[in-house]
Amino acid sequence: MQNRLLIDDGDPHDHRTLGAVIKWLALSGGLLGVAVLINLHPAMSADWVTLVGVPGNAASDSVQLEADASVRHVRDRVVRLRVNRAVEVESVTGVSYRSFDGTAQVDCVARQARYTTGTYYKQPNFKGRPIAEKSFAGAGQPPVRLRGFDQAHSRRVIELGCG
């Protein structure tokens, strides 16, 4: 089932999807309107569950998991998570960063999670240009361990991912 937002302007024969409205706004020069629509539409903005910390506070170590973002497969799920660090730290792959946004594959049978992608930022709160982007596959997938945090949060990623 496709997620569609219908726009009703009173004409019973003219129901446009959100995509059609965005295209119309962009073509007519209404980029501000496009930005407002995208930010207001729930299917296009992420809701985050905070596992620890204060989101948006650059001085806070925080971990967030995208709410209801797991892609469900028979055995595995894919979840999106992001980490903000109060000070610069080094990842298990050797990247020094302040904030990280990535995805992880969660094996609900084996109860383990491994990173599949990672985008690293020098600035806190996922701002600025990424300093590194990595993809991981097979034996090269690092486990989700959330170094420097209580390991209960790593287990919570698996719990929330598996539902």
C-alpha atoms as a PDB file:
ATOM      1  CA  MET A   1       0.000   0.000   0.000  1.00  0.00           C
ATOM      2  CA  GLN A   2       1.368   3.360  -1.011  1.00  0.00           C
ATOM      3  CA  ASN A   3       1.393   6.162   1.553  1.00  0.00           C
ATOM      4  CA  ARG A   4      -0.563   8.959  -0.140  1.00  0.00           C
ATOM      5  CA  LEU A   5      -1.799  12.290   1.103  1.00  0.00           C
ATOM      6  CA  LEU A   6      -4.684  13.566  -0.977  1.00  0.00           C
ATOM      7  CA  ILE A   7      -5.202  17.294  -1.391  1.00  0.00           C
ATOM      8  CA  ASP A   8      -8.878  18.342  -1.693  1.00  0.00           C
ATOM      9  CA  ASP A   9      -9.467  21.809  -3.083  1.00  0.00           C
ATOM     10  CA  GLY A  10     -13.236  21.423  -3.382  1.00  0.00           C
ATOM     11  CA  ASP A  11     -13.343  19.920  -6.869  1.00  0.00           C
ATOM     12  CA  PRO A  12     -14.710  16.334  -6.462  1.00  0.00           C
ATOM     13  CA  HIS A  13     -12.819  15.209  -9.584  1.00  0.00           C
ATOM     14  CA  ASP A  14      -9.439  16.701  -8.649  1.00  0.00           C
ATOM     15  CA  HIS A  15      -7.613  14.795  -5.888  1.00  0.00           C
ATOM     16  CA  ARG A  16      -3.880  15.354  -6.127  1.00  0.00           C
ATOM     17  CA  THR A  17      -1.254  13.393  -4.237  1.00  0.00           C
ATOM     18  CA  LEU A  18       1.343  15.100  -2.079  1.00  0.00           C
ATOM     19  CA  GLY A  19       3.956  14.303  -4.746  1.00  0.00           C
ATOM     20  CA  ALA A  20       1.918  16.128  -7.392  1.00  0.00           C
ATOM     21  CA  VAL A  21       1.492  19.142  -5.119  1.00  0.00           C
ATOM     22  CA  ILE A  22       5.237  19.244  -4.360  1.00  0.00           C
ATOM     23  CA  LYS A  23       6.021  19.057  -8.084  1.00  0.00           C
ATOM     24  CA  TRP A  24       3.531  21.857  -8.812  1.00  0.00           C
ATOM     25  CA  LEU A  25       4.986  24.034  -6.026  1.00  0.00           C
ATOM     26  CA  ALA A  26       8.561  23.427  -7.213  1.00  0.00           C
ATOM     27  CA  LEU A  27       7.712  24.218 -10.835  1.00  0.00           C
ATOM     28  CA  SER A  28       5.857  27.377  -9.849  1.00  0.00           C
ATOM     29  CA  GLY A  29       8.821  28.617  -7.813  1.00  0.00           C
ATOM     30  CA  GLY A  30       7.310  27.899  -4.421  1.00  0.00           C
ATOM     31  CA  LEU A  31      10.306  26.180  -2.830  1.00  0.00           C
ATOM     32  CA  LEU A  32       9.382  27.565   0.586  1.00  0.00           C
ATOM     33  CA  GLY A  33       5.995  25.880   0.255  1.00  0.00           C
ATOM     34  CA  VAL A  34       7.685  22.603  -0.667  1.00  0.00           C
ATOM     35  CA  ALA A  35       9.898  22.820   2.434  1.00  0.00           C
ATOM     36  CA  VAL A  36       6.889  23.535   4.653  1.00  0.00           C
ATOM     37  CA  LEU A  37       4.898  20.632   3.202  1.00  0.00           C
ATOM     38  CA  ILE A  38       7.783  18.201   3.601  1.00  0.00           C
ATOM     39  CA  ASN A  39       8.370  19.247   7.203  1.00  0.00           C
ATOM     40  CA  LEU A  40       4.678  19.042   8.086  1.00  0.00           C
ATOM     41  CA  HIS A  41       3.910  15.722   6.404  1.00  0.00           C
ATOM     42  CA  PRO A  42       4.372  12.900   8.950  1.00  0.00           C
ATOM     43  CA  ALA A  43       5.546  10.367   6.392  1.00  0.00           C
ATOM     44  CA  MET A  44       8.491  12.595   5.511  1.00  0.00           C
ATOM     45  CA  SER A  45       9.809  13.505   8.953  1.00  0.00           C
ATOM     46  CA  ALA A  46      11.384  11.169  11.453  1.00  0.00           C
ATOM     47  CA  ASP A  47      10.145  10.641  14.984  1.00  0.00           C
ATOM     48  CA  TRP A  48      12.897   9.538  17.329  1.00  0.00           C
ATOM     49  CA  VAL A  49      12.826   7.501  20.538  1.00  0.00           C
ATOM     50  CA  THR A  50      15.521   8.752  22.907  1.00  0.00           C
ATOM     51  CA  LEU A  51      17.307   5.910  24.704  1.00  0.00           C
ATOM     52  CA  VAL A  52      19.616   8.186  26.703  1.00  0.00           C
ATOM     53  CA  GLY A  53      20.638  11.853  26.824  1.00  0.00           C
ATOM     54  CA  VAL A  54      19.057  15.129  25.807  1.00  0.00           C
ATOM     55  CA  PRO A  55      18.442  15.388  22.048  1.00  0.00           C
ATOM     56  CA  GLY A  56      19.609  18.648  20.517  1.00  0.00           C
ATOM     57  CA  ASN A  57      21.943  19.460  23.418  1.00  0.00           C
ATOM     58  CA  ALA A  58      25.463  19.527  21.987  1.00  0.00           C
ATOM     59  CA  ALA A  59      26.928  18.873  25.461  1.00  0.00           C
ATOM     60  CA  SER A  60      24.887  15.699  25.938  1.00  0.00           C
ATOM     61  CA  ASP A  61      25.813  12.142  25.013  1.00  0.00           C
ATOM     62  CA  SER A  62      22.620  10.848  23.430  1.00  0.00           C
ATOM     63  CA  VAL A  63      21.354   7.829  21.518  1.00  0.00           C
ATOM     64  CA  GLN A  64      18.158   7.869  19.490  1.00  0.00           C
ATOM     65  CA  LEU A  65      16.352   5.236  17.446  1.00  0.00           C
ATOM     66  CA  GLU A  66      13.925   6.193  14.705  1.00  0.00           C
ATOM     67  CA  ALA A  67      10.438   5.295  15.906  1.00  0.00           C
ATOM     68  CA  ASP A  68       8.677   2.697  13.783  1.00  0.00           C
ATOM     69  CA  ALA A  69      11.473   2.738  11.219  1.00  0.00           C
ATOM     70  CA  SER A  70      12.357  -0.923  11.167  1.00  0.00           C
ATOM     71  CA  VAL A  71      12.094  -2.593   7.794  1.00  0.00           C
ATOM     72  CA  ARG A  72      10.686  -5.986   8.565  1.00  0.00           C
ATOM     73  CA  HIS A  73      12.044  -9.168   7.014  1.00  0.00           C
ATOM     74  CA  VAL A  74      11.394 -12.754   8.108  1.00  0.00           C
ATOM     75  CA  ARG A  75      14.421 -12.903  10.399  1.00  0.00           C
ATOM     76  CA  ASP A  76      16.159  -9.527  10.258  1.00  0.00           C
ATOM     77  CA  ARG A  77      15.115  -5.914  10.694  1.00  0.00           C
ATOM     78  CA  VAL A  78      16.867  -2.728   9.643  1.00  0.00           C
ATOM     79  CA  VAL A  79      16.723   0.229  12.043  1.00  0.00           C
ATOM     80  CA  ARG A  80      18.041   3.781  11.875  1.00  0.00           C
ATOM     81  CA  LEU A  81      19.874   5.221  14.856  1.00  0.00           C
ATOM     82  CA  ARG A  82      21.846   8.310  15.669  1.00  0.00           C
ATOM     83  CA  VAL A  83      24.372   9.147  18.342  1.00  0.00           C
ATOM     84  CA  ASN A  84      25.534  12.544  19.573  1.00  0.00           C
ATOM     85  CA  ARG A  85      28.681  12.789  21.702  1.00  0.00           C
ATOM     86  CA  ALA A  86      29.521  15.608  24.129  1.00  0.00           C
ATOM     87  CA  VAL A  87      33.168  15.420  23.056  1.00  0.00           C
ATOM     88  CA  GLU A  88      34.907  14.033  19.992  1.00  0.00           C
ATOM     89  CA  VAL A  89      35.352  10.248  20.106  1.00  0.00           C
ATOM     90  CA  GLU A  90      36.758   7.627  17.747  1.00  0.00           C
ATOM     91  CA  SER A  91      34.529   5.010  16.132  1.00  0.00           C
ATOM     92  CA  VAL A  92      35.426   1.322  15.962  1.00  0.00           C
ATOM     93  CA  THR A  93      36.327   2.001  12.319  1.00  0.00           C
ATOM     94  CA  GLY A  94      38.811   4.753  13.245  1.00  0.00           C
ATOM     95  CA  VAL A  95      36.741   7.861  12.414  1.00  0.00           C
ATOM     96  CA  SER A  96      36.884  10.735  14.939  1.00  0.00           C
ATOM     97  CA  TYR A  97      33.401  12.247  15.206  1.00  0.00           C
ATOM     98  CA  ARG A  98      30.945  14.217  17.370  1.00  0.00           C
ATOM     99  CA  SER A  99      27.720  12.834  15.867  1.00  0.00           C
ATOM    100  CA  PHE A 100      26.769   9.755  13.874  1.00  0.00           C
ATOM    101  CA  ASP A 101      23.699   8.740  11.872  1.00  0.00           C
ATOM    102  CA  GLY A 102      23.440   5.179  10.611  1.00  0.00           C
ATOM    103  CA  THR A 103      21.499   2.002  10.051  1.00  0.00           C
ATOM    104  CA  ALA A 104      21.839  -1.369  11.680  1.00  0.00           C
ATOM    105  CA  GLN A 105      20.687  -4.845  10.756  1.00  0.00           C
ATOM    106  CA  VAL A 106      19.023  -6.507  13.739  1.00  0.00           C
ATOM    107  CA  ASP A 107      18.916 -10.315  13.843  1.00  0.00           C
ATOM    108  CA  CYS A 108      15.860 -10.964  16.015  1.00  0.00           C
ATOM    109  CA  VAL A 109      16.570 -14.704  16.343  1.00  0.00           C
ATOM    110  CA  ALA A 110      20.226 -14.362  17.412  1.00  0.00           C
ATOM    111  CA  ARG A 111      19.422 -11.115  19.323  1.00  0.00           C
ATOM    112  CA  GLN A 112      22.303  -9.112  17.843  1.00  0.00           C
ATOM    113  CA  ALA A 113      22.649  -5.911  15.827  1.00  0.00           C
ATOM    114  CA  ARG A 114      25.340  -4.915  13.333  1.00  0.00           C
ATOM    115  CA  TYR A 115      25.880  -1.601  11.550  1.00  0.00           C
ATOM    116  CA  THR A 116      25.155  -1.514   7.816  1.00  0.00           C
ATOM    117  CA  THR A 117      25.807   2.197   7.156  1.00  0.00           C
ATOM    118  CA  GLY A 118      27.250   5.152   9.005  1.00  0.00           C
ATOM    119  CA  THR A 119      27.507   8.866   8.357  1.00  0.00           C
ATOM    120  CA  TYR A 120      29.914  10.710  10.652  1.00  0.00           C
ATOM    121  CA  TYR A 121      29.947  14.431  11.501  1.00  0.00           C
ATOM    122  CA  LYS A 122      32.673  16.584  13.074  1.00  0.00           C
ATOM    123  CA  GLN A 123      29.979  18.843  14.559  1.00  0.00           C
ATOM    124  CA  PRO A 124      27.415  17.828  17.178  1.00  0.00           C
ATOM    125  CA  ASN A 125      23.747  17.182  16.357  1.00  0.00           C
ATOM    126  CA  PHE A 126      24.381  15.974  12.778  1.00  0.00           C
ATOM    127  CA  LYS A 127      25.237  19.441  11.471  1.00  0.00           C
ATOM    128  CA  GLY A 128      27.628  20.418   8.752  1.00  0.00           C
ATOM    129  CA  ARG A 129      28.997  18.281   5.979  1.00  0.00           C
ATOM    130  CA  PRO A 130      29.629  14.611   6.764  1.00  0.00           C
ATOM    131  CA  ILE A 131      33.313  13.828   7.281  1.00  0.00           C
ATOM    132  CA  ALA A 132      32.907  10.145   6.412  1.00  0.00           C
ATOM    133  CA  GLU A 133      30.277   7.798   5.050  1.00  0.00           C
ATOM    134  CA  LYS A 134      30.732   4.064   5.382  1.00  0.00           C
ATOM    135  CA  SER A 135      28.858   0.955   4.292  1.00  0.00           C
ATOM    136  CA  PHE A 136      29.406  -2.385   5.961  1.00  0.00           C
ATOM    137  CA  ALA A 137      28.545  -5.886   4.760  1.00  0.00           C
ATOM    138  CA  GLY A 138      29.141  -9.470   5.791  1.00  0.00           C
ATOM    139  CA  ALA A 139      32.000 -10.109   8.203  1.00  0.00           C
ATOM    140  CA  GLY A 140      32.937  -6.413   8.105  1.00  0.00           C
ATOM    141  CA  GLN A 141      29.779  -5.291   9.887  1.00  0.00           C
ATOM    142  CA  PRO A 142      30.721  -3.919  13.320  1.00  0.00           C
ATOM    143  CA  PRO A 143      28.356  -4.865  16.154  1.00  0.00           C
ATOM    144  CA  VAL A 144      26.170  -2.182  17.706  1.00  0.00           C
ATOM    145  CA  ARG A 145      27.908  -1.724  21.054  1.00  0.00           C
ATOM    146  CA  LEU A 146      27.499   2.026  21.685  1.00  0.00           C
ATOM    147  CA  ARG A 147      30.903   2.413  23.302  1.00  0.00           C
ATOM    148  CA  GLY A 148      30.939   4.748  26.275  1.00  0.00           C
ATOM    149  CA  PHE A 149      27.281   4.084  27.070  1.00  0.00           C
ATOM    150  CA  ASP A 150      25.682   1.568  29.408  1.00  0.00           C
ATOM    151  CA  GLN A 151      25.343  -1.626  27.327  1.00  0.00           C
ATOM    152  CA  ALA A 152      21.667  -1.803  28.272  1.00  0.00           C
ATOM    153  CA  HIS A 153      21.163   0.790  25.498  1.00  0.00           C
ATOM    154  CA  SER A 154      22.708  -1.530  22.900  1.00  0.00           C
ATOM    155  CA  ARG A 155      20.302  -4.264  23.992  1.00  0.00           C
ATOM    156  CA  ARG A 156      17.431  -1.752  23.810  1.00  0.00           C
ATOM    157  CA  VAL A 157      18.226  -1.125  20.111  1.00  0.00           C
ATOM    158  CA  ILE A 158      17.622  -4.847  19.521  1.00  0.00           C
ATOM    159  CA  GLU A 159      14.446  -4.891  21.633  1.00  0.00           C
ATOM    160  CA  LEU A 160      12.945  -1.896  19.877  1.00  0.00           C
ATOM    161  CA  GLY A 161      14.044  -3.109  16.448  1.00  0.00           C
ATOM    162  CA  CYS A 162      12.443  -6.511  16.931  1.00  0.00           C
ATOM    163  CA  GLY A 163       9.284  -5.110  18.478  1.00  0.00           C
END
